[in-house]
Amino acid sequence: MYVLRVQHSVPDYAAWKAAFDSDPLGREKSGVKSYRILRPADDPGHVMIDLDFDTAAEAEALEAALREMWTRVTVAVDPQSQIVEVVETRQY
């Protein structure tokens, strides 16, 4: 599994969440299997989003679409992204 990790500041979380929920890029159609939204406990104005994919190619394609979209939006400040491969996971 591959994870596209996105993080950025959000001046207005409610506005950002509404934009995220509108799903302008079509996450499911783009190959996203699941996602997680995280916020630091001490900084609710920052978000991290993990988007899970079966293939690196799907993650790369959505990352490219996100980078293009970021040139047109104001709800995300200084967005950064990275694709990582899950090499091991365990639940207790």
N, C-alpha and C. Protein backbone atom coordinates (compact mmCIF):
# COMPACT_ATOMS: atom_id res chain seq x y z
N MET A 1 0.84 -1.17 0.00
CA MET A 1 0.00 0.00 0.00
C MET A 1 0.90 1.24 0.00
N TYR A 2 0.40 2.29 -0.64
CA TYR A 2 1.10 3.57 -0.71
C TYR A 2 0.22 4.63 -0.07
N VAL A 3 0.87 5.57 0.60
CA VAL A 3 0.15 6.65 1.27
C VAL A 3 0.66 7.98 0.73
N LEU A 4 -0.27 8.81 0.30
CA LEU A 4 0.04 10.18 -0.05
C LEU A 4 -0.26 10.99 1.20
N ARG A 5 0.80 11.51 1.84
CA ARG A 5 0.66 12.32 3.05
C ARG A 5 0.70 13.78 2.64
N VAL A 6 -0.35 14.50 2.97
CA VAL A 6 -0.46 15.92 2.67
C VAL A 6 -0.55 16.65 3.99
N GLN A 7 0.14 17.79 4.10
CA GLN A 7 -0.01 18.60 5.31
C GLN A 7 0.08 20.07 4.96
N HIS A 8 -0.68 20.85 5.70
CA HIS A 8 -0.68 22.30 5.50
C HIS A 8 -1.44 22.99 6.62
N SER A 9 -1.24 24.28 6.70
CA SER A 9 -2.00 25.10 7.64
C SER A 9 -3.36 25.40 7.03
N VAL A 10 -4.34 25.62 7.90
CA VAL A 10 -5.68 26.00 7.46
C VAL A 10 -6.14 27.21 8.28
N PRO A 11 -6.32 28.35 7.63
CA PRO A 11 -6.76 29.53 8.36
C PRO A 11 -8.16 29.36 8.96
N ASP A 12 -8.99 28.57 8.29
CA ASP A 12 -10.38 28.34 8.73
C ASP A 12 -10.70 26.87 8.50
N TYR A 13 -10.65 26.08 9.57
CA TYR A 13 -10.84 24.63 9.43
C TYR A 13 -12.20 24.29 8.82
N ALA A 14 -13.25 24.98 9.25
CA ALA A 14 -14.59 24.68 8.72
C ALA A 14 -14.65 24.90 7.21
N ALA A 15 -14.04 25.98 6.73
CA ALA A 15 -14.02 26.24 5.28
C ALA A 15 -13.19 25.19 4.56
N TRP A 16 -12.04 24.83 5.14
CA TRP A 16 -11.21 23.80 4.53
C TRP A 16 -11.95 22.47 4.48
N LYS A 17 -12.63 22.12 5.59
CA LYS A 17 -13.34 20.82 5.64
C LYS A 17 -14.46 20.78 4.61
N ALA A 18 -15.17 21.89 4.44
CA ALA A 18 -16.22 21.94 3.43
C ALA A 18 -15.63 21.73 2.03
N ALA A 19 -14.48 22.34 1.76
CA ALA A 19 -13.82 22.15 0.46
C ALA A 19 -13.36 20.70 0.31
N PHE A 20 -12.80 20.12 1.37
CA PHE A 20 -12.36 18.72 1.33
C PHE A 20 -13.54 17.81 1.07
N ASP A 21 -14.65 18.04 1.79
CA ASP A 21 -15.83 17.18 1.64
C ASP A 21 -16.47 17.30 0.27
N SER A 22 -16.26 18.42 -0.41
CA SER A 22 -16.83 18.56 -1.75
C SER A 22 -16.10 17.68 -2.76
N ASP A 23 -14.92 17.20 -2.39
CA ASP A 23 -14.16 16.21 -3.17
C ASP A 23 -13.97 16.62 -4.63
N PRO A 24 -13.35 17.78 -4.87
CA PRO A 24 -13.25 18.29 -6.24
C PRO A 24 -12.44 17.43 -7.20
N LEU A 25 -11.56 16.58 -6.69
CA LEU A 25 -10.74 15.74 -7.57
C LEU A 25 -11.25 14.31 -7.68
N GLY A 26 -12.28 13.97 -6.94
CA GLY A 26 -12.85 12.62 -7.02
C GLY A 26 -11.92 11.57 -6.43
N ARG A 27 -11.79 11.58 -5.10
CA ARG A 27 -10.84 10.67 -4.45
C ARG A 27 -11.07 9.20 -4.83
N GLU A 28 -12.29 8.72 -4.71
CA GLU A 28 -12.55 7.30 -4.99
C GLU A 28 -12.21 6.96 -6.44
N LYS A 29 -12.62 7.81 -7.36
CA LYS A 29 -12.33 7.59 -8.78
C LYS A 29 -10.83 7.62 -9.06
N SER A 30 -10.09 8.35 -8.22
CA SER A 30 -8.64 8.47 -8.39
C SER A 30 -7.87 7.32 -7.75
N GLY A 31 -8.58 6.39 -7.11
CA GLY A 31 -7.92 5.22 -6.54
C GLY A 31 -7.74 5.25 -5.03
N VAL A 32 -8.23 6.30 -4.37
CA VAL A 32 -8.10 6.36 -2.90
C VAL A 32 -8.96 5.26 -2.29
N LYS A 33 -8.33 4.45 -1.45
CA LYS A 33 -9.04 3.35 -0.78
C LYS A 33 -9.60 3.79 0.57
N SER A 34 -8.88 4.69 1.25
CA SER A 34 -9.34 5.25 2.52
C SER A 34 -8.50 6.48 2.80
N TYR A 35 -8.96 7.27 3.76
CA TYR A 35 -8.19 8.44 4.16
C TYR A 35 -8.34 8.69 5.65
N ARG A 36 -7.39 9.44 6.19
CA ARG A 36 -7.42 9.87 7.58
C ARG A 36 -7.08 11.34 7.61
N ILE A 37 -7.80 12.09 8.41
CA ILE A 37 -7.48 13.50 8.65
C ILE A 37 -6.97 13.59 10.08
N LEU A 38 -5.80 14.19 10.23
CA LEU A 38 -5.19 14.32 11.55
C LEU A 38 -4.89 15.79 11.82
N ARG A 39 -4.94 16.17 13.08
CA ARG A 39 -4.54 17.53 13.48
C ARG A 39 -3.69 17.40 14.74
N PRO A 40 -2.61 18.15 14.83
CA PRO A 40 -1.83 18.15 16.06
C PRO A 40 -2.71 18.60 17.24
N ALA A 41 -2.57 17.95 18.36
CA ALA A 41 -3.38 18.29 19.53
C ALA A 41 -3.17 19.73 19.96
N ASP A 42 -1.98 20.25 19.71
CA ASP A 42 -1.67 21.61 20.14
C ASP A 42 -1.75 22.64 19.01
N ASP A 43 -2.23 22.24 17.83
CA ASP A 43 -2.31 23.17 16.70
C ASP A 43 -3.46 22.79 15.78
N PRO A 44 -4.71 23.13 16.15
CA PRO A 44 -5.86 22.75 15.32
C PRO A 44 -5.91 23.50 13.98
N GLY A 45 -5.00 24.45 13.77
CA GLY A 45 -4.93 25.16 12.50
C GLY A 45 -4.01 24.51 11.49
N HIS A 46 -3.65 23.26 11.75
CA HIS A 46 -2.77 22.51 10.85
C HIS A 46 -3.41 21.14 10.62
N VAL A 47 -3.42 20.67 9.40
CA VAL A 47 -3.98 19.35 9.11
C VAL A 47 -2.96 18.48 8.38
N MET A 48 -3.10 17.19 8.61
CA MET A 48 -2.35 16.18 7.87
C MET A 48 -3.40 15.20 7.35
N ILE A 49 -3.29 14.86 6.08
CA ILE A 49 -4.23 13.95 5.46
C ILE A 49 -3.44 12.79 4.89
N ASP A 50 -3.81 11.58 5.24
CA ASP A 50 -3.22 10.38 4.66
C ASP A 50 -4.23 9.77 3.70
N LEU A 51 -3.85 9.65 2.45
CA LEU A 51 -4.68 9.05 1.41
C LEU A 51 -4.05 7.72 1.02
N ASP A 52 -4.77 6.63 1.16
CA ASP A 52 -4.24 5.29 0.91
C ASP A 52 -4.57 4.82 -0.51
N PHE A 53 -3.56 4.23 -1.17
CA PHE A 53 -3.68 3.74 -2.54
C PHE A 53 -3.10 2.33 -2.65
N ASP A 54 -3.54 1.60 -3.64
CA ASP A 54 -2.95 0.29 -3.94
C ASP A 54 -1.62 0.43 -4.68
N THR A 55 -1.50 1.47 -5.52
CA THR A 55 -0.30 1.60 -6.35
C THR A 55 0.34 2.98 -6.21
N ALA A 56 1.64 3.02 -6.42
CA ALA A 56 2.36 4.29 -6.41
C ALA A 56 1.89 5.18 -7.55
N ALA A 57 1.58 4.61 -8.69
CA ALA A 57 1.14 5.39 -9.85
C ALA A 57 -0.14 6.16 -9.55
N GLU A 58 -1.08 5.54 -8.84
CA GLU A 58 -2.32 6.23 -8.47
C GLU A 58 -2.01 7.40 -7.53
N ALA A 59 -1.14 7.16 -6.56
CA ALA A 59 -0.76 8.22 -5.61
C ALA A 59 -0.07 9.37 -6.34
N GLU A 60 0.81 9.05 -7.26
CA GLU A 60 1.52 10.08 -8.03
C GLU A 60 0.57 10.91 -8.88
N ALA A 61 -0.43 10.26 -9.47
CA ALA A 61 -1.38 10.98 -10.32
C ALA A 61 -2.22 11.95 -9.48
N LEU A 62 -2.67 11.51 -8.31
CA LEU A 62 -3.47 12.42 -7.48
C LEU A 62 -2.59 13.53 -6.90
N GLU A 63 -1.36 13.22 -6.56
CA GLU A 63 -0.46 14.26 -6.07
C GLU A 63 -0.27 15.35 -7.13
N ALA A 64 -0.11 14.97 -8.37
CA ALA A 64 0.03 15.94 -9.46
C ALA A 64 -1.23 16.80 -9.59
N ALA A 65 -2.39 16.17 -9.49
CA ALA A 65 -3.66 16.92 -9.58
C ALA A 65 -3.80 17.88 -8.39
N LEU A 66 -3.40 17.43 -7.21
CA LEU A 66 -3.44 18.29 -6.02
C LEU A 66 -2.53 19.50 -6.19
N ARG A 67 -1.33 19.28 -6.67
CA ARG A 67 -0.38 20.39 -6.85
C ARG A 67 -0.95 21.45 -7.80
N GLU A 68 -1.63 21.01 -8.84
CA GLU A 68 -2.25 21.95 -9.76
C GLU A 68 -3.40 22.69 -9.06
N MET A 69 -4.21 21.96 -8.31
CA MET A 69 -5.34 22.58 -7.61
C MET A 69 -4.87 23.60 -6.58
N TRP A 70 -3.75 23.31 -5.90
CA TRP A 70 -3.25 24.22 -4.87
C TRP A 70 -2.89 25.59 -5.43
N THR A 71 -2.66 25.69 -6.72
CA THR A 71 -2.35 27.00 -7.31
C THR A 71 -3.60 27.87 -7.38
N ARG A 72 -4.78 27.27 -7.18
CA ARG A 72 -6.04 28.00 -7.33
C ARG A 72 -6.84 28.16 -6.04
N VAL A 73 -6.39 27.62 -4.91
CA VAL A 73 -7.20 27.65 -3.69
C VAL A 73 -6.54 28.49 -2.60
N THR A 74 -7.37 28.92 -1.65
CA THR A 74 -6.86 29.72 -0.53
C THR A 74 -7.11 29.05 0.81
N VAL A 75 -7.76 27.89 0.84
CA VAL A 75 -8.07 27.24 2.11
C VAL A 75 -6.88 26.47 2.68
N ALA A 76 -5.86 26.24 1.88
CA ALA A 76 -4.65 25.52 2.31
C ALA A 76 -3.44 26.44 2.17
N VAL A 77 -2.70 26.60 3.26
CA VAL A 77 -1.53 27.47 3.26
C VAL A 77 -0.26 26.62 3.28
N ASP A 78 0.63 26.85 2.34
CA ASP A 78 1.91 26.14 2.24
C ASP A 78 1.75 24.62 2.23
N PRO A 79 0.94 24.08 1.30
CA PRO A 79 0.75 22.63 1.25
C PRO A 79 2.02 21.89 0.86
N GLN A 80 2.21 20.76 1.49
CA GLN A 80 3.35 19.89 1.21
C GLN A 80 2.81 18.46 1.08
N SER A 81 3.49 17.66 0.27
CA SER A 81 3.04 16.27 0.10
C SER A 81 4.24 15.35 -0.07
N GLN A 82 4.00 14.10 0.25
CA GLN A 82 5.02 13.07 0.10
C GLN A 82 4.32 11.73 -0.06
N ILE A 83 4.86 10.89 -0.94
CA ILE A 83 4.33 9.54 -1.11
C ILE A 83 5.25 8.58 -0.37
N VAL A 84 4.65 7.74 0.46
CA VAL A 84 5.41 6.75 1.22
C VAL A 84 4.80 5.37 1.00
N GLU A 85 5.63 4.36 1.15
CA GLU A 85 5.17 2.98 1.03
C GLU A 85 5.03 2.39 2.43
N VAL A 86 3.90 1.74 2.68
CA VAL A 86 3.71 1.05 3.94
C VAL A 86 4.46 -0.27 3.84
N VAL A 87 5.45 -0.45 4.70
CA VAL A 87 6.25 -1.68 4.65
C VAL A 87 5.88 -2.65 5.76
N GLU A 88 5.25 -2.15 6.80
CA GLU A 88 4.81 -3.03 7.87
C GLU A 88 3.76 -2.32 8.70
N THR A 89 2.79 -3.06 9.15
CA THR A 89 1.79 -2.54 10.06
C THR A 89 1.34 -3.65 11.00
N ARG A 90 0.99 -3.28 12.19
CA ARG A 90 0.54 -4.26 13.18
C ARG A 90 -0.46 -3.59 14.09
N GLN A 91 -1.48 -4.31 14.48
CA GLN A 91 -2.47 -3.79 15.42
C GLN A 91 -2.41 -4.60 16.69
N TYR A 92 -2.61 -3.94 17.80
CA TYR A 92 -2.64 -4.61 19.10
C TYR A 92 -4.00 -4.43 19.72
